[in-house]
Amino acid sequence: MPKNKIKEIIKELRPDIEVQDSTEFINDGIFDSFDIVSIVSALDKEFNISIDGTKISPEYFNTLDDITKLVQESKK
């Protein structure tokens, strides 16, 4: 399931944070723009996808579920 792998990717990029299903990365000020770019790059490589540039915005990266949905939509 991509959600577990996404959680691993976030932990690798940001070992300083506790990643929970309920964590709000944007609303809680955890991710900045550099984090989002790093995550997009890692997701593209891991899942062999290309995330549309219009989807690289905070609303797609607030929670683990948001990111998982983005990955699933990008696979289509």
C-alpha atoms as a PDB file:
ATOM      1  CA  MET A   1       0.000   0.000   0.000  1.00  0.00           C
ATOM      2  CA  PRO A   2       1.447   3.367  -0.961  1.00  0.00           C
ATOM      3  CA  LYS A   3       0.507   4.989   2.351  1.00  0.00           C
ATOM      4  CA  ASN A   4       3.111   3.007   4.306  1.00  0.00           C
ATOM      5  CA  LYS A   5       5.817   3.726   1.726  1.00  0.00           C
ATOM      6  CA  ILE A   6       4.909   7.427   1.722  1.00  0.00           C
ATOM      7  CA  LYS A   7       5.237   7.439   5.504  1.00  0.00           C
ATOM      8  CA  GLU A   8       8.714   5.880   5.153  1.00  0.00           C
ATOM      9  CA  ILE A   9       9.738   8.503   2.579  1.00  0.00           C
ATOM     10  CA  ILE A  10       8.632  11.335   4.857  1.00  0.00           C
ATOM     11  CA  LYS A  11      10.513   9.784   7.798  1.00  0.00           C
ATOM     12  CA  GLU A  12      13.667   9.534   5.658  1.00  0.00           C
ATOM     13  CA  LEU A  13      13.429  13.149   4.526  1.00  0.00           C
ATOM     14  CA  ARG A  14      12.339  14.530   7.905  1.00  0.00           C
ATOM     15  CA  PRO A  15      13.564  12.188  10.667  1.00  0.00           C
ATOM     16  CA  ASP A  16      12.883  14.974  13.166  1.00  0.00           C
ATOM     17  CA  ILE A  17       9.093  14.610  12.950  1.00  0.00           C
ATOM     18  CA  GLU A  18       6.633  11.996  14.182  1.00  0.00           C
ATOM     19  CA  VAL A  19       4.527  10.873  11.223  1.00  0.00           C
ATOM     20  CA  GLN A  20       0.985   9.883  12.183  1.00  0.00           C
ATOM     21  CA  ASP A  21      -2.107   9.478  10.013  1.00  0.00           C
ATOM     22  CA  SER A  22      -3.563  12.543  11.728  1.00  0.00           C
ATOM     23  CA  THR A  23      -0.474  14.768  11.351  1.00  0.00           C
ATOM     24  CA  GLU A  24      -1.284  17.988   9.494  1.00  0.00           C
ATOM     25  CA  PHE A  25       2.024  18.809   7.833  1.00  0.00           C
ATOM     26  CA  ILE A  26       0.954  22.147   6.350  1.00  0.00           C
ATOM     27  CA  ASN A  27      -1.547  23.400   8.940  1.00  0.00           C
ATOM     28  CA  ASP A  28       0.919  22.659  11.751  1.00  0.00           C
ATOM     29  CA  GLY A  29       3.810  24.350   9.930  1.00  0.00           C
ATOM     30  CA  ILE A  30       5.845  21.137   9.638  1.00  0.00           C
ATOM     31  CA  PHE A  31       6.479  21.214   5.874  1.00  0.00           C
ATOM     32  CA  ASP A  32       7.918  24.173   4.022  1.00  0.00           C
ATOM     33  CA  SER A  33       8.214  24.550   0.252  1.00  0.00           C
ATOM     34  CA  PHE A  34      11.589  22.782   0.193  1.00  0.00           C
ATOM     35  CA  ASP A  35      10.057  19.775   1.970  1.00  0.00           C
ATOM     36  CA  ILE A  36       7.258  19.592  -0.590  1.00  0.00           C
ATOM     37  CA  VAL A  37       9.703  19.701  -3.517  1.00  0.00           C
ATOM     38  CA  SER A  38      11.830  16.985  -1.877  1.00  0.00           C
ATOM     39  CA  ILE A  39       8.784  14.802  -1.255  1.00  0.00           C
ATOM     40  CA  VAL A  40       7.527  15.235  -4.830  1.00  0.00           C
ATOM     41  CA  SER A  41      10.922  14.184  -6.166  1.00  0.00           C
ATOM     42  CA  ALA A  42      11.046  11.126  -3.892  1.00  0.00           C
ATOM     43  CA  LEU A  43       7.459  10.126  -4.752  1.00  0.00           C
ATOM     44  CA  ASP A  44       8.143  10.475  -8.483  1.00  0.00           C
ATOM     45  CA  LYS A  45      11.138   8.145  -8.193  1.00  0.00           C
ATOM     46  CA  GLU A  46       9.579   5.620  -5.801  1.00  0.00           C
ATOM     47  CA  PHE A  47       6.267   5.208  -7.614  1.00  0.00           C
ATOM     48  CA  ASN A  48       7.501   5.951 -11.156  1.00  0.00           C
ATOM     49  CA  ILE A  49       4.977   8.760 -11.549  1.00  0.00           C
ATOM     50  CA  SER A  50       5.030  12.376 -12.588  1.00  0.00           C
ATOM     51  CA  ILE A  51       3.047  14.642 -10.295  1.00  0.00           C
ATOM     52  CA  ASP A  52       1.398  17.449 -12.246  1.00  0.00           C
ATOM     53  CA  GLY A  53       2.899  20.840 -11.422  1.00  0.00           C
ATOM     54  CA  THR A  54      -0.554  22.251 -10.698  1.00  0.00           C
ATOM     55  CA  LYS A  55      -0.868  19.742  -7.861  1.00  0.00           C
ATOM     56  CA  ILE A  56       2.296  20.881  -6.106  1.00  0.00           C
ATOM     57  CA  SER A  57       0.449  23.042  -3.637  1.00  0.00           C
ATOM     58  CA  PRO A  58      -0.239  22.867   0.108  1.00  0.00           C
ATOM     59  CA  GLU A  59      -3.720  21.339  -0.082  1.00  0.00           C
ATOM     60  CA  TYR A  60      -2.270  18.157  -1.603  1.00  0.00           C
ATOM     61  CA  PHE A  61       0.349  17.766   1.148  1.00  0.00           C
ATOM     62  CA  ASN A  62      -1.463  18.526   4.414  1.00  0.00           C
ATOM     63  CA  THR A  63      -2.062  14.945   5.586  1.00  0.00           C
ATOM     64  CA  LEU A  64      -0.793  11.473   4.802  1.00  0.00           C
ATOM     65  CA  ASP A  65      -4.178  10.700   3.215  1.00  0.00           C
ATOM     66  CA  ASP A  66      -3.899  13.792   0.976  1.00  0.00           C
ATOM     67  CA  ILE A  67      -0.465  12.699  -0.236  1.00  0.00           C
ATOM     68  CA  THR A  68      -1.629   9.097  -0.753  1.00  0.00           C
ATOM     69  CA  LYS A  69      -4.586  10.300  -2.823  1.00  0.00           C
ATOM     70  CA  LEU A  70      -2.266  12.469  -4.917  1.00  0.00           C
ATOM     71  CA  VAL A  71       0.020   9.494  -5.621  1.00  0.00           C
ATOM     72  CA  GLN A  72      -2.925   7.280  -6.574  1.00  0.00           C
ATOM     73  CA  GLU A  73      -4.335   9.956  -8.907  1.00  0.00           C
ATOM     74  CA  SER A  74      -0.902  10.450 -10.487  1.00  0.00           C
ATOM     75  CA  LYS A  75      -0.654   6.728 -11.311  1.00  0.00           C
ATOM     76  CA  LYS A  76      -3.683   6.886 -13.618  1.00  0.00           C
END
